[in-house]
Protein backbone atom coordinates (compact mmCIF):
# COMPACT_ATOMS: atom_id res chain seq x y z
CA MET A 1 -13.03 -0.84 -44.81
CA PRO A 2 -14.89 3.02 -46.67
CA LEU A 3 -12.81 5.67 -47.54
CA THR A 4 -14.53 7.77 -45.32
CA LEU A 5 -13.16 5.49 -42.77
CA LEU A 6 -10.00 5.42 -43.65
CA ALA A 7 -9.61 9.49 -43.51
CA VAL A 8 -11.27 9.86 -40.25
CA TRP A 9 -8.92 7.07 -38.80
CA GLY A 10 -5.65 8.78 -39.43
CA LEU A 11 -6.70 12.18 -37.87
CA LEU A 12 -8.42 10.59 -34.47
CA ALA A 13 -5.53 8.20 -32.92
CA ALA A 14 -7.01 6.83 -30.15
CA ALA A 15 -6.53 3.08 -28.16
CA PRO A 16 -10.14 1.40 -29.83
CA GLY A 17 -12.20 0.17 -27.31
CA ALA A 18 -16.06 0.75 -26.29
CA SER A 19 -17.31 4.10 -25.11
CA PRO A 20 -19.31 4.53 -21.75
CA SER A 21 -21.78 5.74 -24.53
CA SER A 22 -21.68 1.95 -26.56
CA THR A 23 -22.47 -0.01 -23.17
CA GLU A 24 -25.24 -2.11 -23.56
CA ALA A 25 -28.54 -2.19 -20.58
CA PRO A 26 -28.34 -5.65 -18.30
CA VAL A 27 -31.44 -7.56 -18.88
CA GLN A 28 -34.46 -5.51 -18.02
CA ALA A 29 -37.28 -6.91 -15.52
CA VAL A 30 -39.92 -5.51 -17.53
CA PRO A 31 -38.68 -6.27 -20.93
CA GLN A 32 -37.76 -3.23 -22.98
CA ALA A 33 -36.38 -3.75 -26.50
CA VAL A 34 -34.22 -1.38 -28.11
CA PRO A 35 -34.99 -0.90 -31.99
CA PRO A 36 -32.78 -1.72 -34.52
CA VAL A 37 -32.04 1.17 -35.51
CA LEU A 38 -30.46 2.48 -32.34
CA ALA A 39 -28.38 -0.84 -31.95
CA LEU A 40 -25.16 1.18 -30.85
CA PRO A 41 -22.02 0.08 -32.16
CA ALA A 42 -19.87 -2.59 -30.09
CA THR A 43 -16.67 -0.08 -30.76
CA THR A 44 -16.31 3.41 -31.13
CA ARG A 45 -13.22 5.85 -31.76
CA PRO A 46 -12.92 8.77 -29.74
CA VAL A 47 -12.33 11.87 -31.40
CA ARG A 48 -11.23 14.61 -30.01
CA ARG A 49 -12.63 18.31 -30.02
CA LEU A 50 -9.27 20.23 -31.83
CA ALA A 51 -8.94 16.70 -34.58
CA ALA A 52 -12.85 16.99 -35.01
CA ILE A 53 -12.14 20.99 -36.41
CA THR A 54 -8.73 20.51 -38.39
CA LEU A 55 -11.22 17.27 -40.41
CA GLY A 56 -14.02 19.45 -41.59
CA VAL A 57 -12.05 22.08 -42.09
CA GLU A 58 -10.13 20.01 -44.91
CA ARG A 59 -13.04 17.87 -46.00
CA ASN A 60 -16.03 20.48 -45.93
CA GLN A 61 -17.03 21.44 -49.38
CA ARG A 62 -19.03 24.36 -49.07
CA LEU A 63 -15.86 25.18 -47.04
CA LEU A 64 -13.69 23.95 -49.75
CA ALA A 65 -15.73 26.42 -52.97
CA GLU A 66 -15.19 28.91 -50.19
CA ARG A 67 -11.28 28.08 -50.84
CA LEU A 68 -11.51 28.28 -54.37
CA GLU A 69 -12.99 31.79 -55.20
CA ARG A 70 -10.38 32.75 -52.80
CA GLU A 71 -8.21 31.41 -54.96
CA ARG A 72 -10.65 32.44 -57.87
CA ALA A 73 -9.75 36.25 -56.10
CA GLN A 74 -6.16 35.98 -55.97
CA ARG A 75 -5.23 34.43 -59.81
CA ALA A 76 -7.82 37.36 -60.92
CA TYR A 77 -5.73 40.21 -59.14
CA ALA A 78 -2.25 38.55 -60.56
CA ALA A 79 -4.11 38.58 -64.45
CA ALA A 80 -4.72 42.18 -63.64
CA TRP A 81 -1.17 42.97 -63.65
CA SER A 82 -1.41 41.89 -67.67
CA PRO A 83 -1.75 45.09 -68.65
CA TRP A 84 0.84 46.99 -67.65
CA SER A 85 3.30 43.84 -67.80
CA PRO A 86 6.14 45.12 -70.81
CA THR A 87 5.50 43.65 -74.49
CA LEU A 88 7.88 42.90 -77.05
CA LYS A 89 6.78 43.30 -80.91
CA ALA A 90 7.70 42.19 -84.29
CA SER A 91 6.13 43.18 -87.21
CA SER A 92 7.19 42.65 -90.74
CA PHE A 93 5.09 44.53 -94.04
CA TYR A 94 5.34 43.95 -97.68
CA ARG A 95 4.36 46.96 -99.60
CA HIS A 96 4.21 47.07 -103.27
CA ALA A 97 2.45 50.65 -104.69
CA THR A 98 2.58 51.85 -108.64
CA ASP A 99 3.45 55.19 -108.78
CA PRO A 100 4.36 58.01 -112.42
CA VAL A 101 7.62 56.24 -112.11
CA PRO A 102 8.27 52.37 -111.98
CA THR A 103 6.55 50.44 -109.39
CA HIS A 104 7.93 50.06 -105.46
CA ASP A 105 8.02 47.04 -104.21
CA ARG A 106 9.75 47.15 -100.85
CA LEU A 107 9.60 45.36 -97.34
CA ASP A 108 9.11 47.23 -93.68
CA TYR A 109 10.60 44.93 -90.66
CA ALA A 110 10.54 46.50 -87.27
CA LEU A 111 11.32 44.93 -83.12
CA GLY A 112 10.91 47.10 -80.23
CA ALA A 113 8.99 46.76 -77.12
CA GLY A 114 6.02 48.70 -75.23
CA TRP A 115 5.32 49.52 -71.72
CA GLU A 116 2.28 51.29 -69.69
CA THR A 117 3.17 51.75 -66.37
CA VAL A 118 -0.06 52.14 -63.99
CA VAL A 119 0.09 55.90 -64.33
CA GLY A 120 -0.79 55.92 -67.79
CA THR A 121 2.90 56.93 -68.77
CA HIS A 122 2.73 54.94 -72.36
CA LEU A 123 6.57 54.41 -73.51
CA GLU A 124 7.90 52.83 -76.71
CA ALA A 125 11.01 51.88 -78.67
CA SER A 126 11.39 49.89 -81.77
CA VAL A 127 14.51 49.51 -84.54
CA GLY A 128 13.80 49.51 -88.14
CA VAL A 129 14.09 49.33 -91.86
CA ASP A 130 11.85 50.25 -94.69
CA HIS A 131 14.10 47.85 -97.69
CA GLY A 132 13.17 48.34 -100.97
CA LEU A 133 12.94 45.47 -102.89
CA ASP A 134 13.64 47.02 -105.61
CA GLY A 135 16.68 48.29 -105.08
CA PRO A 136 17.57 51.83 -103.37
CA PRO A 137 16.98 53.51 -101.58
CA HIS A 138 16.96 51.74 -98.14
CA GLN A 139 16.40 53.36 -94.73
CA PRO A 140 17.04 52.15 -91.84
CA GLN A 141 15.23 54.07 -88.36
CA VAL A 142 15.77 53.71 -83.93
CA SER A 143 12.69 56.12 -82.94
CA LEU A 144 11.05 56.78 -78.87
CA SER A 145 7.81 57.51 -78.06
CA LEU A 146 6.82 58.80 -74.70
CA SER A 147 3.11 60.08 -74.20
CA GLN A 148 1.31 60.90 -70.57
CA PRO A 149 -1.71 61.92 -70.01
CA LEU A 150 -1.77 65.04 -67.39
CA LEU A 151 -5.73 64.92 -66.29
CA LYS A 152 -7.51 62.37 -67.54
CA GLY A 153 -6.26 58.54 -67.53
CA GLY A 154 -2.93 59.96 -65.73
CA GLY A 155 -2.17 58.98 -62.05
CA LEU A 156 -3.19 55.84 -60.07
CA ALA A 157 -6.56 57.26 -60.57
CA GLY A 158 -6.97 57.49 -63.85
CA ALA A 159 -5.31 54.31 -64.85
CA ALA A 160 -5.49 51.57 -62.03
CA LEU A 161 -8.45 51.73 -61.57
CA PRO A 162 -9.37 47.96 -62.68
CA LEU A 163 -5.42 47.11 -61.00
CA THR A 164 -6.99 48.53 -57.75
CA GLU A 165 -9.85 46.75 -58.05
CA ALA A 166 -8.80 42.89 -58.27
CA GLN A 167 -6.20 44.13 -55.51
CA LEU A 168 -9.28 44.79 -52.77
CA THR A 169 -11.48 41.92 -54.26
CA ALA A 170 -9.18 39.46 -53.56
CA GLN A 171 -8.52 40.70 -49.80
CA LEU A 172 -12.37 40.90 -49.67
CA GLN A 173 -12.19 37.41 -50.69
CA ALA A 174 -10.02 36.54 -48.42
CA GLU A 175 -12.05 38.53 -45.07
CA LEU A 176 -15.10 36.89 -46.33
CA TYR A 177 -13.20 33.11 -46.01
CA ARG A 178 -12.30 34.01 -42.90
CA ALA A 179 -15.78 34.23 -41.90
CA ALA A 180 -16.62 31.50 -43.19
CA LEU A 181 -14.08 29.16 -42.09
CA ASP A 182 -15.21 30.70 -38.58
CA GLU A 183 -18.51 30.16 -38.60
CA PHE A 184 -18.09 26.77 -40.00
CA ILE A 185 -15.95 25.99 -36.66
CA VAL A 186 -18.99 27.36 -34.52
CA GLN A 187 -20.91 24.65 -36.28
CA VAL A 188 -18.85 22.21 -35.78
CA ASP A 189 -18.02 23.04 -31.48
CA ALA A 190 -21.66 23.07 -31.39
CA ALA A 191 -22.31 19.88 -32.62
CA TYR A 192 -18.91 18.29 -31.05
CA TRP A 193 -20.54 19.42 -27.54
CA GLU A 194 -23.82 18.24 -28.47
CA LEU A 195 -22.93 14.84 -29.17
CA ALA A 196 -20.72 14.73 -25.91
CA LEU A 197 -23.91 15.86 -24.04
CA ALA A 198 -25.58 12.85 -25.76
CA GLN A 199 -22.86 10.80 -24.51
CA ALA A 200 -23.49 11.77 -21.18
CA ASP A 201 -27.47 12.01 -21.00
CA LEU A 202 -26.94 8.15 -22.05
CA ASP A 203 -24.34 7.84 -19.54
CA ILE A 204 -26.68 8.79 -17.12
CA ARG A 205 -30.25 7.15 -18.37
CA THR A 206 -28.25 3.93 -18.54
CA ARG A 207 -27.65 4.16 -14.57
CA SER A 208 -30.85 5.55 -13.80
CA GLU A 209 -32.28 2.52 -15.75
CA GLN A 210 -30.23 -0.01 -14.05
CA ARG A 211 -30.95 1.29 -10.53
CA ALA A 212 -34.44 1.50 -11.61
CA GLU A 213 -34.46 -2.10 -12.68
CA SER A 214 -32.64 -3.72 -9.07
CA GLN A 215 -35.25 -2.02 -6.97
CA TYR A 216 -37.81 -2.85 -9.28
CA ARG A 217 -35.88 -6.52 -8.65
CA ASP A 218 -35.39 -6.30 -5.10
CA THR A 219 -39.09 -4.89 -4.79
CA ARG A 220 -40.26 -7.68 -6.50
CA GLU A 221 -38.29 -10.53 -3.64
CA ASN A 222 -39.88 -8.15 -1.07
CA ILE A 223 -43.32 -8.82 -2.05
CA ARG A 224 -42.68 -12.75 -2.70
CA ARG A 225 -41.34 -12.91 0.90
CA GLY A 226 -43.82 -11.20 1.95
CA ILE A 227 -42.43 -8.20 3.63
CA LEU A 228 -43.94 -5.72 1.17
CA ALA A 229 -47.54 -5.59 -0.62
CA ASP A 230 -47.93 -6.49 -3.84
CA ALA A 231 -49.44 -2.56 -4.43
CA GLU A 232 -45.45 -1.65 -4.10
CA ILE A 233 -44.84 -2.94 -7.29
CA HIS A 234 -46.97 0.03 -9.20
CA VAL A 235 -44.14 2.78 -7.99
CA VAL A 236 -41.40 1.16 -8.78
CA GLU A 237 -42.75 -0.28 -12.25
CA GLU A 238 -43.71 3.20 -13.34
CA ASN A 239 -40.43 4.33 -12.69
CA LEU A 240 -38.80 1.72 -14.67
CA VAL A 241 -41.27 2.54 -17.48
CA ILE A 242 -40.03 5.91 -17.17
CA PHE A 243 -36.36 5.57 -16.83
CA GLN A 244 -37.17 3.33 -19.97
CA GLN A 245 -38.65 5.83 -22.05
CA GLU A 246 -35.85 8.51 -21.14
CA HIS A 247 -33.30 5.97 -22.40
CA LEU A 248 -34.57 5.24 -25.41
CA ARG A 249 -35.03 8.76 -25.95
CA ALA A 250 -31.07 9.42 -25.19
CA ARG A 251 -29.76 7.03 -27.70
CA GLU A 252 -32.29 8.99 -30.18
CA ARG A 253 -30.37 11.91 -28.92
CA LEU A 254 -27.31 10.22 -29.53
CA PHE A 255 -27.35 8.90 -33.51
CA LEU A 256 -28.92 12.04 -34.23
CA SER A 257 -26.05 14.43 -32.94
CA ARG A 258 -23.79 11.76 -34.57
CA ARG A 259 -25.15 12.10 -37.44
CA GLY A 260 -25.13 16.09 -37.13
CA LEU A 261 -21.80 16.25 -36.79
CA SER A 262 -20.93 13.99 -39.15
CA GLU A 263 -22.81 16.07 -41.77
CA LEU A 264 -20.49 18.92 -41.06
CA LEU A 265 -16.75 16.45 -41.16
CA PHE A 266 -18.56 15.34 -44.29
CA LEU A 267 -18.16 11.54 -43.46
CA ALA A 268 -21.03 8.60 -43.55
CA PRO A 269 -23.67 9.09 -41.53
CA ASP A 270 -22.93 5.34 -39.48
CA GLU A 271 -19.21 6.20 -38.23
CA ALA A 272 -18.48 5.46 -35.43
CA PHE A 273 -17.03 7.83 -33.13
CA ALA A 274 -17.27 9.43 -29.69
CA ALA A 275 -16.63 13.07 -28.58
CA GLU A 276 -13.42 11.99 -25.78
CA ASP A 277 -13.39 15.32 -24.68
CA ALA A 278 -14.68 16.95 -20.99
CA PHE A 279 -16.77 19.34 -20.11
CA ASP A 280 -14.24 21.12 -18.51
CA VAL A 281 -14.90 25.53 -18.51
CA SER A 282 -12.08 25.87 -16.11
CA GLY A 283 -9.87 27.51 -18.75
CA VAL A 284 -11.78 29.85 -19.71
CA SER A 285 -11.55 33.75 -19.17
CA LEU A 286 -13.02 36.81 -20.04
CA PRO A 287 -11.84 39.92 -21.65
CA SER A 288 -13.14 43.10 -20.53
CA ALA A 289 -15.92 44.67 -22.52
CA ALA A 290 -14.13 47.40 -23.77
CA GLU A 291 -11.51 45.20 -24.83
CA ALA A 292 -13.21 42.64 -26.55
CA VAL A 293 -15.29 45.61 -28.61
CA ALA A 294 -12.06 47.23 -29.74
CA ARG A 295 -10.26 44.02 -31.47
CA ALA A 296 -13.44 43.17 -32.71
CA LEU A 297 -13.61 46.56 -34.96
CA ARG A 298 -10.20 45.38 -35.97
CA GLU A 299 -10.19 41.72 -36.60
CA ASN A 300 -14.18 41.05 -36.99
CA PRO A 301 -14.01 39.94 -41.39
CA THR A 302 -17.53 40.47 -41.59
CA VAL A 303 -16.09 44.10 -40.59
CA CYS A 304 -13.29 44.13 -42.17
CA GLY A 305 -14.86 42.81 -45.49
CA GLN A 306 -16.60 46.36 -45.62
CA ARG A 307 -14.47 48.57 -44.67
CA LEU A 308 -12.84 47.31 -48.35
CA ARG A 309 -16.20 47.78 -49.81
CA VAL A 310 -15.53 51.21 -48.64
CA GLU A 311 -12.34 51.36 -49.88
CA LEU A 312 -13.38 49.64 -53.42
CA ALA A 313 -16.28 52.70 -53.90
CA ARG A 314 -14.20 55.30 -52.64
CA SER A 315 -11.31 54.11 -55.67
CA ARG A 316 -14.61 54.34 -57.82
CA VAL A 317 -15.03 57.67 -57.07
CA GLN A 318 -12.22 58.53 -57.32
CA HIS A 319 -11.50 57.21 -61.13
CA GLN A 320 -14.72 58.88 -62.22
CA GLN A 321 -12.99 62.92 -60.56
CA ASN A 322 -10.81 62.09 -62.79
CA GLN A 323 -13.02 60.42 -65.39
CA VAL A 324 -14.71 64.03 -65.73
CA LEU A 325 -11.64 65.91 -66.70
CA PRO A 326 -10.69 67.18 -70.22
CA SER A 327 -8.16 64.71 -71.63
CA LEU A 328 -5.28 66.41 -71.83
CA SER A 329 -1.85 64.56 -72.51
CA LEU A 330 1.69 64.95 -73.01
CA GLU A 331 2.74 63.27 -76.26
CA SER A 332 6.81 63.62 -77.66
CA SER A 333 8.54 60.82 -79.80
CA LEU A 334 12.01 61.11 -81.44
CA GLY A 335 13.59 59.25 -84.12
CA LEU A 336 16.59 58.80 -86.05
CA ARG A 337 17.27 57.67 -89.64
CA HIS A 338 18.77 57.56 -92.67
CA THR A 339 19.00 57.03 -96.20
CA GLU A 340 21.29 54.99 -98.30
CA ASP A 341 21.64 53.44 -101.64
CA GLU A 342 23.38 50.57 -100.34
CA TYR A 343 22.19 48.10 -97.75
CA GLY A 344 25.10 47.48 -95.76
CA ALA A 345 26.35 50.59 -95.30
CA ALA A 346 22.99 52.17 -94.14
CA PHE A 347 22.91 51.13 -90.54
CA GLY A 348 26.25 52.56 -90.60
CA GLY A 349 25.09 56.50 -92.03
CA LEU A 350 22.47 55.66 -88.83
CA ALA A 351 25.41 56.32 -86.71
CA ARG A 352 27.43 58.28 -88.55
CA ASP A 353 25.03 61.35 -90.04
CA PRO A 354 21.51 60.24 -89.12
CA ALA A 355 18.44 62.20 -89.76
CA LEU A 356 16.36 63.59 -86.67
CA ASP A 357 12.73 63.47 -86.59
CA ALA A 358 11.19 65.14 -82.99
CA ARG A 359 8.16 66.04 -82.14
CA LEU A 360 6.79 67.70 -78.44
CA GLY A 361 3.25 68.39 -77.90
CA LEU A 362 -0.03 68.34 -76.22
CA ARG A 363 -3.30 67.20 -77.28
CA LEU A 364 -6.53 68.18 -75.63
CA GLU A 365 -9.97 66.59 -75.54
CA VAL A 366 -13.07 67.84 -74.06
CA PRO A 367 -16.37 66.73 -73.86
CA LEU A 368 -19.01 68.05 -75.11
CA ASP A 369 -21.91 66.52 -73.07
CA ARG A 370 -21.39 67.46 -69.62
CA ASP A 371 -24.43 65.50 -68.32
CA ALA A 372 -23.60 61.99 -69.06
CA VAL A 373 -20.53 62.48 -67.88
CA SER A 374 -21.06 63.70 -64.39
CA ALA A 375 -23.45 60.93 -64.17
CA GLY A 376 -21.00 58.21 -63.49
CA LEU A 377 -19.50 60.50 -60.91
CA GLU A 378 -22.63 60.69 -59.24
CA ALA A 379 -23.42 57.05 -59.24
CA ALA A 380 -20.23 56.30 -57.71
CA ASP A 381 -20.75 58.57 -55.17
CA ALA A 382 -23.65 57.26 -53.92
CA ALA A 383 -22.29 53.56 -54.33
CA LEU A 384 -19.37 55.45 -51.53
CA ARG A 385 -22.30 56.47 -49.37
CA LYS A 386 -24.08 53.66 -48.90
CA ALA A 387 -20.88 51.31 -48.96
CA THR A 388 -19.97 54.00 -45.37
CA ALA A 389 -24.02 53.69 -44.22
CA GLU A 390 -23.35 49.45 -44.24
CA LEU A 391 -20.09 49.97 -42.24
CA ALA A 392 -21.09 51.63 -39.65
CA GLN A 393 -24.47 49.32 -39.64
CA ALA A 394 -22.25 46.09 -38.96
CA GLU A 395 -19.88 47.95 -36.96
CA ASN A 396 -22.95 48.89 -34.64
CA ARG A 397 -24.12 45.27 -34.74
CA LEU A 398 -20.92 43.72 -34.08
CA ARG A 399 -20.73 46.15 -30.97
CA PHE A 400 -23.76 44.53 -29.28
CA GLU A 401 -23.35 40.89 -30.85
CA VAL A 402 -19.74 41.21 -28.81
CA GLU A 403 -21.48 42.32 -25.68
CA ASN A 404 -24.31 40.37 -25.68
CA ALA A 405 -22.22 37.14 -26.75
CA LEU A 406 -20.16 38.16 -23.71
CA THR A 407 -23.08 39.07 -20.89
CA SER A 408 -24.21 35.50 -22.10
CA LEU A 409 -21.36 33.70 -21.04
CA THR A 410 -20.28 35.81 -17.79
CA SER A 411 -23.53 34.18 -16.80
CA THR A 412 -23.25 31.26 -18.15
CA LEU A 413 -19.98 30.84 -16.55
CA ALA A 414 -21.87 31.89 -12.70
CA LEU A 415 -24.74 29.06 -13.30
CA SER A 416 -21.92 26.61 -14.06
CA GLN A 417 -20.51 26.84 -10.73
CA SER A 418 -23.92 26.97 -9.14
CA SER A 419 -25.31 24.20 -10.72
CA ALA A 420 -22.11 21.88 -9.77
CA ARG A 421 -22.79 22.84 -6.15
CA GLN A 422 -26.68 21.99 -7.17
CA VAL A 423 -25.59 18.56 -8.19
CA GLU A 424 -23.92 18.12 -5.24
CA LEU A 425 -26.60 19.11 -2.62
CA ALA A 426 -29.00 16.63 -5.19
CA GLU A 427 -25.81 14.09 -4.22
CA LEU A 428 -26.35 14.99 -0.43
CA LYS A 429 -30.50 15.12 -0.02
CA LEU A 430 -30.25 11.81 -2.13
CA ALA A 431 -27.83 10.20 0.36
CA ALA A 432 -30.32 11.19 3.02
CA GLN A 433 -33.41 9.61 1.93
CA MET A 434 -31.68 6.24 0.67
CA ASP A 435 -30.76 6.65 5.06
CA LYS A 436 -34.07 7.46 5.79
CA TYR A 437 -35.29 4.27 3.48
CA ARG A 438 -33.44 1.72 4.97
CA ASN A 439 -34.37 3.30 8.33
CA GLY A 440 -38.22 2.98 7.86
CA LEU A 441 -38.71 7.47 7.60
CA SER A 442 -39.39 7.53 4.12
CA THR A 443 -40.71 5.90 1.29
CA LEU A 444 -39.56 4.25 -2.05
CA ASN A 445 -41.07 6.91 -4.18
CA ASP A 446 -39.44 9.67 -2.51
CA VAL A 447 -36.60 8.18 -3.43
CA VAL A 448 -36.53 7.63 -6.46
CA ARG A 449 -37.83 10.76 -6.83
CA PHE A 450 -34.66 12.35 -5.84
CA GLN A 451 -33.09 10.38 -7.88
CA ARG A 452 -34.71 11.87 -10.50
CA GLU A 453 -33.49 15.40 -9.72
CA LEU A 454 -30.14 14.30 -9.12
CA ASP A 455 -30.36 12.96 -12.98
CA GLU A 456 -31.71 16.10 -13.99
CA ALA A 457 -29.38 18.19 -11.95
CA LEU A 458 -26.51 15.92 -13.64
CA ILE A 459 -27.66 16.81 -17.04
CA ALA A 460 -28.53 20.35 -16.19
CA ALA A 461 -24.40 20.89 -15.48
CA ARG A 462 -23.43 19.63 -18.62
CA ARG A 463 -25.83 21.44 -20.34
CA VAL A 464 -24.51 24.70 -18.54
CA ALA A 465 -21.08 23.26 -19.73
CA ARG A 466 -21.90 22.49 -23.23
CA ASP A 467 -23.63 26.80 -23.49
CA VAL A 468 -19.95 27.67 -21.80
CA ARG A 469 -18.33 26.02 -24.32
CA THR A 470 -20.44 27.19 -27.37
CA GLY A 471 -20.81 30.50 -25.98
CA GLN A 472 -16.55 30.81 -25.61
CA ALA A 473 -16.69 29.94 -29.24
CA ARG A 474 -19.68 32.57 -30.49
CA LEU A 475 -17.94 35.04 -28.57
CA LEU A 476 -14.78 34.56 -30.72
CA ARG A 477 -16.04 34.09 -33.42
CA ALA A 478 -17.89 37.83 -32.76
CA ILE A 479 -14.24 39.00 -32.47
CA GLY A 480 -12.71 37.52 -35.39
CA THR A 481 -10.23 35.14 -33.81
CA LEU A 482 -11.69 31.93 -33.38
CA HIS A 483 -9.46 30.34 -36.41
CA VAL A 484 -6.35 31.60 -34.68
CA ALA A 485 -7.80 29.86 -30.88
CA VAL A 486 -7.88 26.48 -32.66
CA GLY A 487 -4.94 26.72 -34.31
CA VAL A 488 -6.36 27.11 -37.61
CA GLU A 489 -4.52 28.25 -40.75
CA VAL A 490 -6.14 30.55 -42.87
CA ASN A 491 -3.56 30.78 -45.71
């Protein structure tokens, strides 16, 4: 068994057996060969809608690429913290100097740690020794330094832009994945109900063809007995030919719809499965327009993603506003050192009688080309205004999308009720016509016409039911909760 079959059958638990769509037509009075490419499989495996969606989410490669991109953005955010991680530092240097007095060979070694915060503070501490290789003096020292930008480069806006960008990008990618997930579920949902409709269409066409064959055989027998004239055979034979043609077209639609769903589920084109869920629209409920629009504006991933783009653009504006400021930094350092001829006594002297070296001051830098500095702020501000305009457009488009989806779904639900009544009326009309025909008050041609009307009413009712289910999925996709409704976890 191919690997694809093993994968799908493990998820689609169902008893083996032929589906209604696998019923083969009986031997026809007028030969109508079914092309081998349209031969139905002996058995099919039923598949539920939610199982198909789950399988598609797991196997579809485009959606897998979206998940990997989301994961990449999440790891990039984690990597963006690296400049703000505490750092352990160790150094060792050999120094050789020639003075007018004897040559000095010395070894400097130090161990310390440094840390930079997201508001620009830089802190560093170290312990080191200036060790004379040719003899004394030896000088151990302890130092602590602190610098803090007060204007340019200070605060979250001045120092933490890379971290903010990485965080917002990761959140944006999560929204893009959510949008792709809902869009894919809409596609699988539509393909599933298209397959269910094709199965129902084939069932109806098969019964119609069988009924037409029976009428053809009965008419031919009545002609042989002399009850009917020979010309009566043409009406029923034409009817049979028409239903044979529709049966072949229904088979074609079944194969194409099954392959369309197989493509989305990343299965082989010849996988033999059938849609199991019924066209039941009784549980479909409609939210109010105000409620649906309000929730969509909160949860729609496209709009949420655009809000993140606005936030990202605003953070870049804030950073550029910080960058146009003069550079003013507070710098301080504190050092303790001691010089001793004996190497061991040098460390003790550092604690008893250290020499103090302390500094505290300000550093100011002012760029002279203000046009170049302000150009970055102007560009960032233009990007923010653009993102804000796109957000307003996305929100406006979403309002209309939700309203239109809700209007279409409301109309389709009403049509589903009237189409059910239309099927009932078509059945009653056909039954009445059959009574007339048996009593000699109607012709077979009239009966055939009412039979076709019933078939079309049955198919139309199922099309409306399909439109209700797909319309509900489109509405939930617009709101942003389709994946929640079908039980698919985003994480």
